[in-house]
């Protein structure tokens, strides 16, 4: 059994309105030391695979075909044995 841990965020060149809203709220609360904030999503997938390489390949395919809009998003993938 393997667990794929995926962090998806908007590319730096893409405006993040949700992140900007949270940033403004924090500034309004007196937390002006925060310079930038971006909001993303975290996904975990449990996989049955015969090897780490197979699990990584499956998880990468899922990311690129379903979970991530590669035009505006980027992702970081870590697969671990469970």
N, C-alpha and C. Protein backbone atom coordinates (compact mmCIF):
# COMPACT_ATOMS: atom_id res chain seq x y z
N UNK A 1 0.86 -1.18 0.00
CA UNK A 1 0.00 0.00 0.00
C UNK A 1 0.89 1.23 0.00
N UNK A 2 0.52 2.21 -0.82
CA UNK A 2 1.25 3.46 -0.92
C UNK A 2 0.27 4.63 -0.74
N UNK A 3 0.81 5.76 -0.29
CA UNK A 3 0.02 6.97 -0.16
C UNK A 3 0.67 8.06 -1.01
N UNK A 4 -0.12 8.62 -1.91
CA UNK A 4 0.33 9.75 -2.73
C UNK A 4 -0.18 11.02 -2.06
N UNK A 5 0.74 11.92 -1.76
CA UNK A 5 0.39 13.21 -1.14
C UNK A 5 0.65 14.29 -2.19
N UNK A 6 -0.42 15.01 -2.52
CA UNK A 6 -0.37 15.95 -3.63
C UNK A 6 -0.75 17.35 -3.16
N UNK A 7 0.09 18.32 -3.45
CA UNK A 7 -0.21 19.73 -3.19
C UNK A 7 -0.38 20.42 -4.54
N UNK A 8 -1.53 21.03 -4.73
CA UNK A 8 -1.84 21.73 -5.98
C UNK A 8 -1.98 23.22 -5.67
N UNK A 9 -1.27 24.05 -6.42
CA UNK A 9 -1.38 25.50 -6.25
C UNK A 9 -1.45 26.16 -7.62
N UNK A 10 -1.96 27.37 -7.61
CA UNK A 10 -1.95 28.15 -8.84
C UNK A 10 -0.52 28.53 -9.19
N UNK A 11 -0.22 28.60 -10.46
CA UNK A 11 1.11 29.05 -10.88
C UNK A 11 1.32 30.48 -10.40
N UNK A 12 2.57 30.84 -10.19
CA UNK A 12 2.90 32.18 -9.70
C UNK A 12 2.34 33.29 -10.60
N UNK A 13 2.24 33.02 -11.89
CA UNK A 13 1.78 34.03 -12.84
C UNK A 13 0.26 34.20 -12.84
N UNK A 14 -0.46 33.34 -12.10
CA UNK A 14 -1.92 33.37 -12.08
C UNK A 14 -2.40 34.06 -10.81
N UNK A 15 -3.29 35.01 -10.96
CA UNK A 15 -3.87 35.72 -9.83
C UNK A 15 -4.61 34.75 -8.92
N UNK A 16 -4.42 34.89 -7.61
CA UNK A 16 -5.06 34.04 -6.62
C UNK A 16 -6.02 34.89 -5.77
N UNK A 17 -7.27 35.08 -6.23
CA UNK A 17 -8.19 35.94 -5.50
C UNK A 17 -8.49 35.44 -4.08
N UNK A 18 -8.57 34.14 -3.89
CA UNK A 18 -8.84 33.63 -2.55
C UNK A 18 -7.65 33.93 -1.62
N UNK A 19 -6.46 33.73 -2.12
CA UNK A 19 -5.26 34.05 -1.34
C UNK A 19 -5.19 35.53 -1.00
N UNK A 20 -5.55 36.39 -1.97
CA UNK A 20 -5.52 37.83 -1.72
C UNK A 20 -6.56 38.24 -0.67
N UNK A 21 -7.72 37.59 -0.68
CA UNK A 21 -8.76 37.87 0.31
C UNK A 21 -8.27 37.50 1.71
N UNK A 22 -7.66 36.33 1.84
CA UNK A 22 -7.13 35.90 3.13
C UNK A 22 -6.02 36.84 3.58
N UNK A 23 -5.14 37.24 2.66
CA UNK A 23 -4.06 38.16 2.98
C UNK A 23 -4.60 39.49 3.49
N UNK A 24 -5.61 40.05 2.81
CA UNK A 24 -6.21 41.31 3.26
C UNK A 24 -6.82 41.16 4.65
N UNK A 25 -7.49 40.04 4.90
CA UNK A 25 -8.09 39.79 6.21
C UNK A 25 -7.02 39.74 7.29
N UNK A 26 -5.91 39.08 7.01
CA UNK A 26 -4.83 39.02 7.99
C UNK A 26 -4.22 40.39 8.23
N UNK A 27 -4.07 41.18 7.18
CA UNK A 27 -3.56 42.54 7.34
C UNK A 27 -4.52 43.37 8.18
N UNK A 28 -5.83 43.19 7.94
CA UNK A 28 -6.83 43.90 8.74
C UNK A 28 -6.77 43.51 10.21
N UNK A 29 -6.29 42.32 10.49
CA UNK A 29 -6.15 41.84 11.86
C UNK A 29 -4.80 42.21 12.48
N UNK A 30 -4.05 43.05 11.77
CA UNK A 30 -2.78 43.53 12.30
C UNK A 30 -1.58 42.65 11.99
N UNK A 31 -1.73 41.73 11.11
CA UNK A 31 -0.63 40.84 10.76
C UNK A 31 0.04 41.31 9.46
N UNK A 32 0.53 42.54 9.50
CA UNK A 32 1.13 43.16 8.32
C UNK A 32 2.46 42.58 7.90
N UNK A 33 3.07 41.74 8.76
CA UNK A 33 4.35 41.15 8.40
C UNK A 33 4.22 40.07 7.32
N UNK A 34 3.02 39.62 7.04
CA UNK A 34 2.81 38.62 5.99
C UNK A 34 2.83 39.33 4.64
N UNK A 35 3.76 38.94 3.78
CA UNK A 35 3.95 39.60 2.50
C UNK A 35 3.09 39.03 1.38
N UNK A 36 2.91 37.72 1.37
CA UNK A 36 2.14 37.09 0.30
C UNK A 36 1.53 35.82 0.83
N UNK A 37 0.44 35.40 0.23
CA UNK A 37 -0.26 34.19 0.66
C UNK A 37 -0.97 33.61 -0.55
N UNK A 38 -0.81 32.32 -0.75
CA UNK A 38 -1.48 31.64 -1.84
C UNK A 38 -2.23 30.45 -1.27
N UNK A 39 -3.41 30.21 -1.77
CA UNK A 39 -4.26 29.11 -1.31
C UNK A 39 -4.21 28.00 -2.35
N UNK A 40 -4.14 26.77 -1.87
CA UNK A 40 -4.11 25.62 -2.76
C UNK A 40 -4.98 24.51 -2.22
N UNK A 41 -4.74 23.31 -2.71
CA UNK A 41 -5.49 22.16 -2.21
C UNK A 41 -4.52 21.01 -1.98
N UNK A 42 -4.86 20.19 -0.98
CA UNK A 42 -4.05 19.03 -0.60
C UNK A 42 -4.90 17.79 -0.80
N UNK A 43 -4.34 16.79 -1.46
CA UNK A 43 -5.07 15.57 -1.78
C UNK A 43 -4.21 14.38 -1.38
N UNK A 44 -4.82 13.37 -0.76
CA UNK A 44 -4.15 12.11 -0.47
C UNK A 44 -4.87 10.99 -1.18
N UNK A 45 -4.10 10.11 -1.80
CA UNK A 45 -4.66 8.96 -2.49
C UNK A 45 -3.95 7.71 -1.98
N UNK A 46 -4.71 6.73 -1.55
CA UNK A 46 -4.14 5.44 -1.17
C UNK A 46 -4.16 4.53 -2.39
N UNK A 47 -3.02 3.92 -2.68
CA UNK A 47 -2.87 3.12 -3.89
C UNK A 47 -2.37 1.72 -3.55
N UNK A 48 -2.93 0.74 -4.22
CA UNK A 48 -2.36 -0.60 -4.22
C UNK A 48 -1.51 -0.70 -5.47
N UNK A 49 -0.22 -0.89 -5.29
CA UNK A 49 0.70 -1.01 -6.41
C UNK A 49 1.79 -1.99 -6.02
N UNK A 50 2.44 -2.56 -7.01
CA UNK A 50 3.47 -3.56 -6.73
C UNK A 50 4.82 -2.94 -6.39
N UNK A 51 5.00 -1.64 -6.70
CA UNK A 51 6.28 -0.98 -6.40
C UNK A 51 6.05 0.52 -6.23
N UNK A 52 7.04 1.16 -5.64
CA UNK A 52 6.99 2.61 -5.49
C UNK A 52 6.92 3.29 -6.85
N UNK A 53 7.68 2.80 -7.80
CA UNK A 53 7.69 3.39 -9.14
C UNK A 53 6.32 3.29 -9.80
N UNK A 54 5.65 2.15 -9.64
CA UNK A 54 4.30 2.01 -10.21
C UNK A 54 3.33 2.97 -9.53
N UNK A 55 3.41 3.08 -8.21
CA UNK A 55 2.53 4.00 -7.48
C UNK A 55 2.77 5.44 -7.92
N UNK A 56 4.03 5.82 -8.08
CA UNK A 56 4.35 7.18 -8.54
C UNK A 56 3.80 7.43 -9.94
N UNK A 57 3.93 6.44 -10.81
CA UNK A 57 3.43 6.57 -12.18
C UNK A 57 1.91 6.74 -12.20
N UNK A 58 1.21 5.93 -11.42
CA UNK A 58 -0.25 6.02 -11.35
C UNK A 58 -0.66 7.38 -10.80
N UNK A 59 -0.03 7.81 -9.72
CA UNK A 59 -0.38 9.09 -9.09
C UNK A 59 -0.11 10.25 -10.04
N UNK A 60 1.01 10.21 -10.75
CA UNK A 60 1.33 11.28 -11.71
C UNK A 60 0.29 11.33 -12.82
N UNK A 61 -0.11 10.18 -13.33
CA UNK A 61 -1.14 10.13 -14.37
C UNK A 61 -2.45 10.72 -13.88
N UNK A 62 -2.84 10.39 -12.64
CA UNK A 62 -4.07 10.94 -12.07
C UNK A 62 -3.98 12.45 -11.93
N UNK A 63 -2.84 12.93 -11.47
CA UNK A 63 -2.65 14.38 -11.33
C UNK A 63 -2.82 15.08 -12.67
N UNK A 64 -2.14 14.57 -13.67
CA UNK A 64 -2.09 15.25 -14.96
C UNK A 64 -3.35 15.07 -15.79
N UNK A 65 -4.15 14.04 -15.49
CA UNK A 65 -5.36 13.83 -16.28
C UNK A 65 -6.63 14.34 -15.59
N UNK A 66 -6.61 14.42 -14.26
CA UNK A 66 -7.86 14.75 -13.54
C UNK A 66 -7.69 15.88 -12.54
N UNK A 67 -6.67 15.81 -11.69
CA UNK A 67 -6.60 16.70 -10.53
C UNK A 67 -6.04 18.09 -10.80
N UNK A 68 -5.20 18.22 -11.81
CA UNK A 68 -4.47 19.48 -12.01
C UNK A 68 -4.77 20.05 -13.39
N UNK A 69 -5.16 21.32 -13.41
CA UNK A 69 -5.28 22.05 -14.67
C UNK A 69 -3.91 22.64 -14.96
N UNK A 70 -3.13 21.96 -15.80
CA UNK A 70 -1.74 22.34 -16.00
C UNK A 70 -1.54 23.68 -16.68
N UNK A 71 -2.60 24.27 -17.20
CA UNK A 71 -2.49 25.60 -17.79
C UNK A 71 -2.30 26.64 -16.68
N UNK A 72 -2.99 26.47 -15.55
CA UNK A 72 -2.94 27.48 -14.49
C UNK A 72 -2.43 26.96 -13.15
N UNK A 73 -2.26 25.64 -13.03
CA UNK A 73 -1.86 25.06 -11.74
C UNK A 73 -0.56 24.27 -11.88
N UNK A 74 0.09 24.11 -10.75
CA UNK A 74 1.26 23.27 -10.64
C UNK A 74 1.05 22.34 -9.45
N UNK A 75 1.82 21.26 -9.40
CA UNK A 75 1.64 20.34 -8.28
C UNK A 75 2.96 19.77 -7.83
N UNK A 76 2.97 19.34 -6.56
CA UNK A 76 4.10 18.61 -5.98
C UNK A 76 3.54 17.28 -5.50
N UNK A 77 4.21 16.23 -5.86
CA UNK A 77 3.77 14.86 -5.57
C UNK A 77 4.83 14.14 -4.76
N UNK A 78 4.39 13.54 -3.65
CA UNK A 78 5.25 12.68 -2.85
C UNK A 78 4.50 11.38 -2.64
N UNK A 79 5.14 10.25 -2.96
CA UNK A 79 4.53 8.95 -2.74
C UNK A 79 5.35 8.22 -1.69
N UNK A 80 4.65 7.70 -0.68
CA UNK A 80 5.31 7.01 0.42
C UNK A 80 4.70 5.63 0.62
N UNK A 81 5.51 4.73 1.09
CA UNK A 81 5.03 3.40 1.45
C UNK A 81 4.28 3.51 2.77
N UNK A 82 3.20 2.78 2.90
CA UNK A 82 2.42 2.86 4.14
C UNK A 82 2.49 1.55 4.87
